[in-house]
N, C-alpha and C. Protein backbone atom coordinates (compact mmCIF):
# COMPACT_ATOMS: atom_id res chain seq x y z
N MET A 1 133.68 169.49 198.83
CA MET A 1 135.06 169.48 198.38
C MET A 1 135.34 168.30 197.47
N GLY A 2 134.76 167.12 197.83
CA GLY A 2 134.96 165.96 196.98
C GLY A 2 134.38 166.16 195.59
N GLN A 3 133.18 166.76 195.52
CA GLN A 3 132.55 167.01 194.23
C GLN A 3 133.36 168.03 193.43
N LEU A 4 133.89 169.05 194.11
CA LEU A 4 134.71 170.04 193.42
C LEU A 4 135.96 169.40 192.83
N ASN A 5 136.56 168.48 193.57
CA ASN A 5 137.73 167.77 193.05
C ASN A 5 137.37 166.91 191.85
N ASP A 6 136.18 166.29 191.89
CA ASP A 6 135.71 165.51 190.76
C ASP A 6 135.58 166.39 189.52
N TYR A 7 134.95 167.55 189.68
CA TYR A 7 134.75 168.46 188.55
C TYR A 7 136.09 168.93 188.00
N ARG A 8 137.02 169.26 188.90
CA ARG A 8 138.33 169.73 188.45
C ARG A 8 139.06 168.65 187.66
N ALA A 9 139.03 167.42 188.18
CA ALA A 9 139.69 166.32 187.49
C ALA A 9 139.05 166.05 186.13
N PHE A 10 137.72 166.12 186.08
CA PHE A 10 137.01 165.84 184.84
C PHE A 10 137.30 166.90 183.79
N LEU A 11 137.28 168.17 184.18
CA LEU A 11 137.54 169.24 183.24
C LEU A 11 138.97 169.16 182.71
N THR A 12 139.92 168.85 183.58
CA THR A 12 141.32 168.73 183.15
C THR A 12 141.47 167.63 182.11
N GLN A 13 140.85 166.48 182.36
CA GLN A 13 140.97 165.38 181.41
C GLN A 13 140.19 165.64 180.13
N PHE A 14 139.09 166.38 180.22
CA PHE A 14 138.37 166.76 179.01
C PHE A 14 139.26 167.61 178.10
N LEU A 15 139.99 168.53 178.69
CA LEU A 15 140.86 169.41 177.90
C LEU A 15 142.07 168.65 177.34
N ARG A 16 142.56 167.67 178.09
CA ARG A 16 143.76 166.95 177.66
C ARG A 16 143.44 165.74 176.79
N ASN A 17 142.32 165.08 177.09
CA ASN A 17 141.98 163.81 176.42
C ASN A 17 140.52 163.82 176.00
N TYR A 18 140.17 164.73 175.09
CA TYR A 18 138.77 164.89 174.70
C TYR A 18 138.19 163.59 174.15
N GLN A 19 138.97 162.85 173.38
CA GLN A 19 138.43 161.67 172.70
C GLN A 19 137.91 160.63 173.68
N THR A 20 138.58 160.47 174.82
CA THR A 20 138.16 159.43 175.75
C THR A 20 137.43 159.97 176.97
N THR A 21 137.25 161.30 177.06
CA THR A 21 136.50 161.87 178.17
C THR A 21 135.11 162.29 177.72
N GLY A 22 135.01 163.20 176.77
CA GLY A 22 133.73 163.44 176.11
C GLY A 22 132.75 164.35 176.80
N ALA A 23 133.04 164.85 178.00
CA ALA A 23 132.14 165.77 178.68
C ALA A 23 132.97 166.69 179.57
N VAL A 24 132.41 167.85 179.87
CA VAL A 24 133.13 168.83 180.67
C VAL A 24 132.98 168.54 182.16
N ILE A 25 131.83 168.00 182.59
CA ILE A 25 131.59 167.67 183.99
C ILE A 25 131.08 166.25 184.09
N PRO A 26 131.19 165.63 185.28
CA PRO A 26 130.70 164.25 185.45
C PRO A 26 129.19 164.16 185.28
N SER A 27 128.71 162.94 185.11
CA SER A 27 127.27 162.70 184.98
C SER A 27 126.54 163.17 186.24
N GLY A 28 125.34 163.75 186.04
CA GLY A 28 124.51 164.18 187.17
C GLY A 28 123.83 163.00 187.84
N ARG A 29 123.23 163.26 189.00
CA ARG A 29 122.62 162.18 189.77
C ARG A 29 121.44 161.55 189.04
N ALA A 30 120.65 162.34 188.31
CA ALA A 30 119.51 161.77 187.60
C ALA A 30 119.98 160.80 186.53
N LEU A 31 121.05 161.16 185.82
CA LEU A 31 121.60 160.25 184.79
C LEU A 31 122.19 159.02 185.45
N ALA A 32 122.90 159.20 186.55
CA ALA A 32 123.48 158.05 187.26
C ALA A 32 122.39 157.09 187.73
N SER A 33 121.29 157.63 188.22
CA SER A 33 120.19 156.78 188.69
C SER A 33 119.57 155.98 187.55
N ALA A 34 119.42 156.61 186.39
CA ALA A 34 118.87 155.90 185.24
C ALA A 34 119.82 154.79 184.77
N LEU A 35 121.11 155.08 184.77
CA LEU A 35 122.09 154.07 184.36
C LEU A 35 122.12 152.89 185.32
N ALA A 36 121.82 153.15 186.60
CA ALA A 36 121.86 152.10 187.62
C ALA A 36 120.52 151.39 187.78
N ARG A 37 119.59 151.62 186.88
CA ARG A 37 118.22 151.12 187.02
C ARG A 37 118.15 149.62 187.28
N HIS A 38 119.01 148.82 186.67
CA HIS A 38 118.91 147.37 186.76
C HIS A 38 119.94 146.76 187.72
N VAL A 39 120.53 147.60 188.54
CA VAL A 39 121.45 147.15 189.59
C VAL A 39 120.68 146.99 190.89
N GLY A 40 120.95 145.90 191.61
CA GLY A 40 120.29 145.69 192.90
C GLY A 40 118.93 145.06 192.78
N THR A 41 118.67 144.35 191.70
CA THR A 41 117.39 143.67 191.50
C THR A 41 117.63 142.19 191.26
N GLY A 42 116.72 141.34 191.69
CA GLY A 42 116.82 139.92 191.43
C GLY A 42 117.92 139.24 192.24
N PRO A 43 118.45 138.13 191.73
CA PRO A 43 119.50 137.39 192.43
C PRO A 43 120.77 138.23 192.56
N PRO A 44 121.75 137.77 193.36
CA PRO A 44 123.02 138.48 193.48
C PRO A 44 123.64 138.73 192.10
N GLN A 45 124.26 139.90 191.95
CA GLN A 45 124.74 140.33 190.64
C GLN A 45 126.24 140.59 190.63
N LYS A 46 126.82 140.32 189.46
CA LYS A 46 128.15 140.84 189.13
C LYS A 46 127.92 141.98 188.16
N ILE A 47 128.43 143.15 188.51
CA ILE A 47 128.19 144.37 187.75
C ILE A 47 129.51 144.86 187.18
N LEU A 48 129.48 145.31 185.94
CA LEU A 48 130.65 145.92 185.31
C LEU A 48 130.34 147.35 184.96
N GLU A 49 131.21 148.28 185.38
CA GLU A 49 131.10 149.67 184.96
C GLU A 49 132.27 149.97 184.04
N ALA A 50 131.98 150.34 182.81
CA ALA A 50 133.01 150.69 181.84
C ALA A 50 133.14 152.20 181.77
N GLY A 51 134.34 152.71 182.01
CA GLY A 51 134.55 154.15 181.99
C GLY A 51 133.96 154.87 183.18
N PRO A 52 134.33 154.50 184.41
CA PRO A 52 133.75 155.14 185.59
C PRO A 52 134.19 156.59 185.80
N GLY A 53 135.29 157.00 185.17
CA GLY A 53 135.73 158.38 185.32
C GLY A 53 136.07 158.71 186.76
N THR A 54 135.46 159.76 187.31
CA THR A 54 135.72 160.17 188.69
C THR A 54 134.80 159.48 189.69
N GLY A 55 133.88 158.65 189.21
CA GLY A 55 133.04 157.88 190.12
C GLY A 55 131.65 158.43 190.36
N ALA A 56 131.18 159.33 189.50
CA ALA A 56 129.84 159.90 189.68
C ALA A 56 128.77 158.83 189.61
N VAL A 57 128.87 157.94 188.62
CA VAL A 57 127.90 156.84 188.50
C VAL A 57 128.26 155.72 189.48
N THR A 58 129.54 155.53 189.72
CA THR A 58 129.99 154.49 190.66
C THR A 58 129.32 154.64 192.02
N GLY A 59 129.24 155.88 192.49
CA GLY A 59 128.62 156.13 193.79
C GLY A 59 127.18 155.66 193.83
N ARG A 60 126.45 155.89 192.74
CA ARG A 60 125.05 155.44 192.68
C ARG A 60 124.97 153.92 192.60
N LEU A 61 125.88 153.29 191.87
CA LEU A 61 125.91 151.83 191.80
C LEU A 61 126.15 151.24 193.18
N ILE A 62 127.08 151.83 193.92
CA ILE A 62 127.38 151.34 195.26
C ILE A 62 126.17 151.48 196.17
N GLU A 63 125.44 152.58 196.04
CA GLU A 63 124.23 152.77 196.84
C GLU A 63 123.20 151.68 196.59
N ARG A 64 123.12 151.21 195.35
CA ARG A 64 122.09 150.23 194.98
C ARG A 64 122.56 148.78 195.21
N MET A 65 123.85 148.58 195.35
CA MET A 65 124.37 147.23 195.53
C MET A 65 123.95 146.65 196.88
N ARG A 66 123.71 145.34 196.87
CA ARG A 66 123.43 144.62 198.10
C ARG A 66 124.68 143.91 198.58
N ALA A 67 124.61 143.29 199.75
CA ALA A 67 125.80 142.70 200.35
C ALA A 67 126.41 141.60 199.49
N GLN A 68 125.57 140.93 198.67
CA GLN A 68 126.07 139.82 197.86
C GLN A 68 126.57 140.27 196.48
N ASP A 69 126.32 141.53 196.12
CA ASP A 69 126.68 142.01 194.78
C ASP A 69 128.15 142.39 194.71
N GLU A 70 128.68 142.37 193.49
CA GLU A 70 130.10 142.64 193.26
C GLU A 70 130.24 143.58 192.08
N LEU A 71 131.14 144.56 192.18
CA LEU A 71 131.33 145.57 191.14
C LEU A 71 132.75 145.53 190.60
N TRP A 72 132.83 145.46 189.27
CA TRP A 72 134.12 145.60 188.58
C TRP A 72 134.09 146.90 187.79
N MET A 73 135.20 147.63 187.80
CA MET A 73 135.31 148.89 187.05
C MET A 73 136.51 148.80 186.12
N VAL A 74 136.31 149.22 184.86
CA VAL A 74 137.38 149.23 183.88
C VAL A 74 137.60 150.67 183.43
N GLU A 75 138.79 151.20 183.69
CA GLU A 75 139.09 152.59 183.37
C GLU A 75 140.41 152.68 182.62
N LEU A 76 140.36 153.28 181.42
CA LEU A 76 141.54 153.40 180.57
C LEU A 76 142.42 154.57 180.98
N ASN A 77 141.82 155.63 181.50
CA ASN A 77 142.56 156.85 181.85
C ASN A 77 143.25 156.69 183.20
N PRO A 78 144.59 156.74 183.25
CA PRO A 78 145.29 156.52 184.52
C PRO A 78 145.00 157.59 185.57
N THR A 79 144.72 158.82 185.14
CA THR A 79 144.39 159.88 186.09
C THR A 79 143.07 159.58 186.78
N PHE A 80 142.07 159.16 186.01
CA PHE A 80 140.79 158.79 186.60
C PHE A 80 140.93 157.56 187.50
N ALA A 81 141.74 156.59 187.09
CA ALA A 81 141.94 155.40 187.91
C ALA A 81 142.54 155.77 189.27
N ALA A 82 143.52 156.67 189.27
CA ALA A 82 144.13 157.12 190.52
C ALA A 82 143.11 157.87 191.38
N HIS A 83 142.27 158.67 190.74
CA HIS A 83 141.21 159.41 191.45
C HIS A 83 140.24 158.44 192.11
N LEU A 84 139.88 157.37 191.41
CA LEU A 84 138.97 156.37 191.98
C LEU A 84 139.60 155.65 193.16
N ARG A 85 140.88 155.34 193.06
CA ARG A 85 141.55 154.67 194.18
C ARG A 85 141.51 155.55 195.44
N ARG A 86 141.73 156.84 195.26
CA ARG A 86 141.64 157.75 196.40
C ARG A 86 140.23 157.78 196.96
N ALA A 87 139.24 157.72 196.06
CA ALA A 87 137.84 157.71 196.52
C ALA A 87 137.56 156.51 197.42
N PHE A 88 138.10 155.35 197.05
CA PHE A 88 137.87 154.15 197.86
C PHE A 88 138.65 154.19 199.17
N ASP A 89 139.65 155.04 199.26
CA ASP A 89 140.36 155.25 200.52
C ASP A 89 139.69 156.29 201.40
N GLU A 90 139.08 157.32 200.76
CA GLU A 90 138.66 158.50 201.51
C GLU A 90 137.15 158.63 201.71
N ARG A 91 136.33 158.14 200.76
CA ARG A 91 134.89 158.33 200.88
C ARG A 91 134.27 157.18 201.66
N PRO A 92 133.53 157.49 202.73
CA PRO A 92 132.98 156.41 203.58
C PRO A 92 132.16 155.37 202.82
N SER A 93 131.27 155.81 201.92
CA SER A 93 130.42 154.85 201.21
C SER A 93 131.24 153.96 200.29
N PHE A 94 132.24 154.54 199.64
CA PHE A 94 133.12 153.76 198.77
C PHE A 94 133.95 152.78 199.61
N ARG A 95 134.49 153.28 200.71
CA ARG A 95 135.35 152.44 201.55
C ARG A 95 134.58 151.26 202.12
N ALA A 96 133.30 151.48 202.47
CA ALA A 96 132.50 150.40 203.04
C ALA A 96 132.28 149.26 202.06
N ALA A 97 132.27 149.59 200.75
CA ALA A 97 132.03 148.57 199.72
C ALA A 97 133.31 148.09 199.04
N SER A 98 134.47 148.55 199.51
CA SER A 98 135.72 148.32 198.78
C SER A 98 136.07 146.84 198.62
N SER A 99 135.70 146.00 199.58
CA SER A 99 136.04 144.58 199.48
C SER A 99 135.30 143.88 198.35
N ARG A 100 134.21 144.51 197.85
CA ARG A 100 133.41 143.92 196.77
C ARG A 100 133.57 144.68 195.46
N CYS A 101 134.54 145.59 195.41
CA CYS A 101 134.77 146.42 194.23
C CYS A 101 136.18 146.22 193.72
N HIS A 102 136.32 146.12 192.41
CA HIS A 102 137.61 145.81 191.80
C HIS A 102 137.85 146.76 190.62
N LEU A 103 139.00 147.42 190.60
CA LEU A 103 139.33 148.37 189.54
C LEU A 103 140.40 147.78 188.64
N VAL A 104 140.13 147.80 187.34
CA VAL A 104 141.08 147.32 186.33
C VAL A 104 141.43 148.48 185.41
N GLU A 105 142.71 148.74 185.22
CA GLU A 105 143.14 149.76 184.27
C GLU A 105 143.31 149.13 182.90
N GLY A 106 142.64 149.67 181.89
CA GLY A 106 142.74 149.14 180.54
C GLY A 106 141.44 149.37 179.79
N SER A 107 141.32 148.74 178.65
CA SER A 107 140.12 148.88 177.83
C SER A 107 139.17 147.72 178.07
N VAL A 108 137.90 147.99 177.84
CA VAL A 108 136.89 146.95 178.07
C VAL A 108 137.07 145.79 177.09
N GLN A 109 137.64 146.06 175.91
CA GLN A 109 137.85 145.00 174.93
C GLN A 109 138.90 143.99 175.41
N GLN A 110 139.74 144.40 176.34
CA GLN A 110 140.82 143.53 176.83
C GLN A 110 140.44 142.78 178.10
N LEU A 111 139.27 143.04 178.63
CA LEU A 111 138.86 142.40 179.88
C LEU A 111 138.48 140.94 179.61
N GLU A 112 139.15 140.03 180.26
CA GLU A 112 138.95 138.60 180.00
C GLU A 112 138.02 137.99 181.04
N ARG A 113 136.75 138.37 180.98
CA ARG A 113 135.74 137.83 181.89
C ARG A 113 134.47 137.54 181.11
N GLN A 114 134.63 136.80 180.05
CA GLN A 114 133.51 136.52 179.16
C GLN A 114 132.37 135.83 179.88
N GLY A 115 131.14 136.33 179.65
CA GLY A 115 129.95 135.70 180.18
C GLY A 115 129.81 135.73 181.68
N GLN A 116 130.42 136.72 182.35
CA GLN A 116 130.41 136.71 183.81
C GLN A 116 129.52 137.77 184.45
N PHE A 117 129.05 138.75 183.67
CA PHE A 117 128.36 139.88 184.29
C PHE A 117 126.85 139.85 184.02
N ASP A 118 126.11 140.23 185.06
CA ASP A 118 124.66 140.34 184.94
C ASP A 118 124.25 141.69 184.37
N VAL A 119 125.01 142.72 184.70
CA VAL A 119 124.72 144.08 184.26
C VAL A 119 126.02 144.76 183.83
N VAL A 120 125.98 145.44 182.70
CA VAL A 120 127.08 146.32 182.28
C VAL A 120 126.53 147.74 182.20
N VAL A 121 127.20 148.67 182.88
CA VAL A 121 126.85 150.09 182.85
C VAL A 121 128.00 150.81 182.17
N SER A 122 127.71 151.49 181.07
CA SER A 122 128.76 152.12 180.27
C SER A 122 128.71 153.63 180.38
N GLY A 123 129.86 154.22 180.71
CA GLY A 123 130.01 155.67 180.69
C GLY A 123 130.93 156.13 179.59
N LEU A 124 131.25 155.24 178.64
CA LEU A 124 132.18 155.59 177.57
C LEU A 124 131.53 156.54 176.57
N PRO A 125 132.25 157.57 176.11
CA PRO A 125 131.71 158.52 175.15
C PRO A 125 131.78 157.97 173.73
N LEU A 126 130.86 157.10 173.39
CA LEU A 126 130.92 156.38 172.11
C LEU A 126 130.97 157.32 170.92
N ASN A 127 130.33 158.48 171.02
CA ASN A 127 130.31 159.41 169.89
C ASN A 127 131.68 159.98 169.55
N ASN A 128 132.64 159.82 170.45
CA ASN A 128 133.98 160.36 170.22
C ASN A 128 134.91 159.38 169.52
N PHE A 129 134.50 158.11 169.42
CA PHE A 129 135.39 157.08 168.91
C PHE A 129 135.20 156.84 167.42
N ALA A 130 136.15 156.14 166.82
CA ALA A 130 135.99 155.66 165.46
C ALA A 130 134.87 154.62 165.42
N SER A 131 134.19 154.52 164.30
CA SER A 131 133.05 153.60 164.22
C SER A 131 133.47 152.16 164.48
N GLU A 132 134.66 151.76 164.03
CA GLU A 132 135.12 150.40 164.27
C GLU A 132 135.35 150.15 165.76
N ASP A 133 135.84 151.17 166.47
CA ASP A 133 136.01 151.03 167.92
C ASP A 133 134.66 150.89 168.61
N VAL A 134 133.67 151.64 168.15
CA VAL A 134 132.33 151.54 168.73
C VAL A 134 131.78 150.12 168.54
N LYS A 135 131.96 149.58 167.35
CA LYS A 135 131.50 148.21 167.09
C LYS A 135 132.19 147.21 168.01
N SER A 136 133.51 147.38 168.21
CA SER A 136 134.25 146.42 169.04
C SER A 136 133.86 146.56 170.52
N ILE A 137 133.57 147.79 170.97
CA ILE A 137 133.14 147.99 172.36
C ILE A 137 131.79 147.36 172.59
N LEU A 138 130.84 147.59 171.69
CA LEU A 138 129.51 147.02 171.85
C LEU A 138 129.56 145.49 171.76
N ALA A 139 130.41 144.96 170.89
CA ALA A 139 130.58 143.51 170.80
C ALA A 139 131.17 142.96 172.10
N ALA A 140 132.11 143.70 172.69
CA ALA A 140 132.71 143.26 173.96
C ALA A 140 131.67 143.21 175.07
N TYR A 141 130.78 144.20 175.10
CA TYR A 141 129.72 144.18 176.10
C TYR A 141 128.87 142.91 175.97
N GLY A 142 128.51 142.58 174.74
CA GLY A 142 127.71 141.38 174.52
C GLY A 142 128.43 140.12 174.96
N THR A 143 129.75 140.09 174.77
CA THR A 143 130.55 138.93 175.17
C THR A 143 130.70 138.83 176.68
N LEU A 144 130.83 139.97 177.34
CA LEU A 144 131.05 139.98 178.78
C LEU A 144 129.78 139.68 179.58
N LEU A 145 128.63 139.95 178.99
CA LEU A 145 127.36 139.71 179.68
C LEU A 145 126.96 138.25 179.68
N LYS A 146 126.30 137.85 180.75
CA LYS A 146 125.67 136.54 180.78
C LYS A 146 124.47 136.54 179.84
N PRO A 147 123.98 135.36 179.43
CA PRO A 147 122.74 135.33 178.66
C PRO A 147 121.62 136.07 179.40
N LYS A 148 120.90 136.92 178.70
CA LYS A 148 119.84 137.78 179.25
C LYS A 148 120.38 138.90 180.13
N GLY A 149 121.71 139.12 180.10
CA GLY A 149 122.28 140.23 180.84
C GLY A 149 121.86 141.56 180.24
N VAL A 150 121.96 142.63 181.02
CA VAL A 150 121.48 143.95 180.62
C VAL A 150 122.65 144.92 180.47
N LEU A 151 122.65 145.63 179.35
CA LEU A 151 123.58 146.74 179.13
C LEU A 151 122.82 148.05 179.23
N SER A 152 123.33 149.00 180.00
CA SER A 152 122.76 150.35 180.09
C SER A 152 123.84 151.35 179.70
N PHE A 153 123.54 152.19 178.70
CA PHE A 153 124.49 153.23 178.31
C PHE A 153 123.71 154.47 177.89
N PHE A 154 124.41 155.60 177.78
CA PHE A 154 123.73 156.85 177.48
C PHE A 154 124.31 157.53 176.25
N GLN A 155 123.50 158.40 175.67
CA GLN A 155 123.93 159.31 174.62
C GLN A 155 123.35 160.69 174.92
N TYR A 156 124.11 161.72 174.64
CA TYR A 156 123.58 163.07 174.81
C TYR A 156 122.59 163.37 173.69
N ILE A 157 121.47 163.96 174.05
CA ILE A 157 120.38 164.18 173.12
C ILE A 157 120.79 165.14 172.01
N LEU A 158 120.68 164.69 170.76
CA LEU A 158 120.89 165.47 169.54
C LEU A 158 122.33 165.95 169.33
N VAL A 159 123.27 165.59 170.21
CA VAL A 159 124.63 166.09 170.06
C VAL A 159 125.27 165.55 168.79
N ARG A 160 125.13 164.24 168.54
CA ARG A 160 125.74 163.68 167.33
C ARG A 160 125.08 164.25 166.08
N ASP A 161 123.77 164.42 166.11
CA ASP A 161 123.07 164.99 164.96
C ASP A 161 123.56 166.41 164.67
N ALA A 162 123.74 167.19 165.73
CA ALA A 162 124.20 168.57 165.56
C ALA A 162 125.63 168.60 165.00
N LYS A 163 126.49 167.73 165.53
CA LYS A 163 127.86 167.68 165.03
C LYS A 163 127.90 167.24 163.58
N THR A 164 127.06 166.26 163.23
CA THR A 164 127.02 165.76 161.86
C THR A 164 126.61 166.88 160.89
N ALA A 165 125.66 167.70 161.32
CA ALA A 165 125.13 168.76 160.45
C ALA A 165 126.19 169.80 160.10
N VAL A 166 127.17 170.00 160.99
CA VAL A 166 128.17 171.03 160.74
C VAL A 166 129.54 170.45 160.38
N SER A 167 129.61 169.13 160.19
CA SER A 167 130.88 168.47 159.87
C SER A 167 130.96 168.13 158.39
N PHE A 168 132.18 167.91 157.93
CA PHE A 168 132.41 167.59 156.52
C PHE A 168 133.44 166.47 156.42
N GLY A 169 133.46 165.83 155.26
CA GLY A 169 134.50 164.86 154.94
C GLY A 169 134.61 163.71 155.92
N PRO A 170 135.85 163.38 156.36
CA PRO A 170 136.07 162.22 157.22
C PRO A 170 135.31 162.29 158.55
N GLU A 171 135.21 163.49 159.14
CA GLU A 171 134.52 163.60 160.42
C GLU A 171 133.03 163.31 160.26
N ARG A 172 132.43 163.79 159.20
CA ARG A 172 131.01 163.52 158.95
C ARG A 172 130.80 162.02 158.72
N ALA A 173 131.72 161.39 157.98
CA ALA A 173 131.62 159.95 157.72
C ALA A 173 131.79 159.17 159.02
N ARG A 174 132.71 159.63 159.89
CA ARG A 174 132.92 158.95 161.17
C ARG A 174 131.65 159.01 162.02
N LEU A 175 131.06 160.18 162.13
CA LEU A 175 129.85 160.33 162.94
C LEU A 175 128.70 159.48 162.39
N LYS A 176 128.58 159.44 161.07
CA LYS A 176 127.54 158.61 160.47
C LYS A 176 127.79 157.13 160.79
N GLY A 177 129.06 156.72 160.71
CA GLY A 177 129.40 155.33 161.02
C GLY A 177 129.10 154.97 162.47
N VAL A 178 129.39 155.90 163.38
CA VAL A 178 129.08 155.67 164.79
C VAL A 178 127.58 155.54 164.99
N GLY A 179 126.82 156.43 164.36
CA GLY A 179 125.37 156.36 164.47
C GLY A 179 124.81 155.05 163.94
N ASP A 180 125.36 154.58 162.82
CA ASP A 180 124.90 153.31 162.25
C ASP A 180 125.23 152.14 163.17
N ALA A 181 126.44 152.16 163.75
CA ALA A 181 126.86 151.07 164.64
C ALA A 181 125.97 150.99 165.88
N ILE A 182 125.69 152.14 166.48
CA ILE A 182 124.83 152.17 167.66
C ILE A 182 123.40 151.82 167.29
N GLY A 183 122.93 152.39 166.18
CA GLY A 183 121.54 152.16 165.77
C GLY A 183 121.24 150.71 165.49
N SER A 184 122.18 149.99 164.89
CA SER A 184 121.93 148.59 164.56
C SER A 184 121.79 147.74 165.82
N VAL A 185 122.59 148.03 166.84
CA VAL A 185 122.49 147.29 168.10
C VAL A 185 121.20 147.65 168.83
N LEU A 186 120.84 148.93 168.82
CA LEU A 186 119.60 149.33 169.46
C LEU A 186 118.39 148.66 168.81
N ALA A 187 118.41 148.57 167.49
CA ALA A 187 117.28 147.96 166.79
C ALA A 187 117.08 146.50 167.19
N GLU A 188 118.17 145.82 167.51
CA GLU A 188 118.08 144.40 167.84
C GLU A 188 117.88 144.14 169.33
N ARG A 189 118.44 145.03 170.19
CA ARG A 189 118.57 144.67 171.60
C ARG A 189 117.83 145.58 172.58
N GLU A 190 117.48 146.80 172.19
CA GLU A 190 116.92 147.74 173.15
C GLU A 190 115.52 147.33 173.59
N PHE A 191 115.29 147.33 174.92
CA PHE A 191 113.94 147.03 175.43
C PHE A 191 113.36 148.19 176.22
N ALA A 192 114.17 149.20 176.55
CA ALA A 192 113.65 150.37 177.27
C ALA A 192 114.58 151.55 177.02
N ARG A 193 114.00 152.76 177.10
CA ARG A 193 114.76 153.99 176.92
C ARG A 193 114.22 155.05 177.88
N GLU A 194 115.12 155.79 178.52
CA GLU A 194 114.73 156.84 179.45
C GLU A 194 115.30 158.18 179.00
N TRP A 195 114.46 159.21 179.07
CA TRP A 195 114.91 160.57 178.79
C TRP A 195 115.33 161.20 180.11
N VAL A 196 116.53 161.76 180.14
CA VAL A 196 117.05 162.40 181.35
C VAL A 196 117.33 163.86 181.04
N TRP A 197 116.35 164.70 181.31
CA TRP A 197 116.48 166.13 181.01
C TRP A 197 117.34 166.87 182.02
N PRO A 198 117.25 166.57 183.34
CA PRO A 198 118.07 167.32 184.30
C PRO A 198 119.52 166.83 184.33
N ASN A 199 120.20 166.99 183.21
CA ASN A 199 121.61 166.63 183.10
C ASN A 199 122.26 167.65 182.18
N VAL A 200 123.59 167.80 182.28
CA VAL A 200 124.31 168.74 181.42
C VAL A 200 125.30 167.97 180.56
N PRO A 201 125.01 167.81 179.23
CA PRO A 201 123.75 168.16 178.57
C PRO A 201 122.70 167.06 178.80
N PRO A 202 121.42 167.31 178.44
CA PRO A 202 120.39 166.28 178.57
C PRO A 202 120.78 165.01 177.80
N ALA A 203 120.31 163.87 178.29
CA ALA A 203 120.72 162.60 177.70
C ALA A 203 119.56 161.63 177.67
N TRP A 204 119.70 160.58 176.86
CA TRP A 204 118.81 159.44 176.98
C TRP A 204 119.64 158.24 177.34
N VAL A 205 119.02 157.35 178.12
CA VAL A 205 119.67 156.12 178.58
C VAL A 205 119.01 154.95 177.89
N HIS A 206 119.81 154.10 177.28
CA HIS A 206 119.32 152.93 176.57
C HIS A 206 119.57 151.69 177.43
N HIS A 207 118.57 150.83 177.50
CA HIS A 207 118.70 149.55 178.21
C HIS A 207 118.53 148.43 177.17
N LEU A 208 119.55 147.59 177.06
CA LEU A 208 119.57 146.51 176.07
C LEU A 208 119.72 145.17 176.77
N ARG A 209 119.13 144.15 176.21
CA ARG A 209 119.28 142.81 176.75
C ARG A 209 119.98 141.93 175.73
N PHE A 210 120.99 141.21 176.20
CA PHE A 210 121.77 140.31 175.33
C PHE A 210 121.46 138.85 175.65
C-alpha cells in the first residue's frame, strides 16, 4: 500500500509539475542502491539528498546509514515534502532514523551549509531544467560538499539524445546546453559510472569527487 501511494503521488506530480518531477514512477531499488553506493563507508558521514521525491532513494540511504550518520533532504515540491513527513511518521524504518534525518523545503541552491557534506545524492531531473539552472545546481553541489566529497547523480540512458534529435529551435538549444553543462563537470570530476538496466527507464549513475 505504501508503494502504491508513492506511485500515485509521483504520477500526479509528474502530470502537474513535469519540469521538476521528470519521471512517471519513483526510482527502482537497483537505481537507489547505485546512488547510495558511497553512503555508509568510512568515518561518520553527513549526507545530503537533493530531490528525494516520495522517498524511494531515501529508504535505501536510511538502510545504509550507521548510527553516527546524519541525513539532510532538500525538496522543492511541497506535495512530496508532505509525503515524506508522513513516511517518517508511518514507516518503521524511516521512524527509527527520524532523529538523524532533517527535511528542508526549498531549492538546493538556497541551502546554507557550505562545505558540510561528505556525500550528495541527487534525484533532480537535470534534463528538464534550463542550462543555467543545471550549472547553478552542479555548482551548489560542489560548494556544499567537503573537500574530496562525493556527488552521485543519474541520467536516463539516451533520453536527452532522443529528445534532442526530435526537437527544434529553443528546446534543442536548451537540451544541448544542458548536455554541455553536465558533460563539462563529468570530464573534470567523474571517477566512476554504473549502468542500471533494471530501471524504468534504464539509467546510468555518475560518481564525482570534488
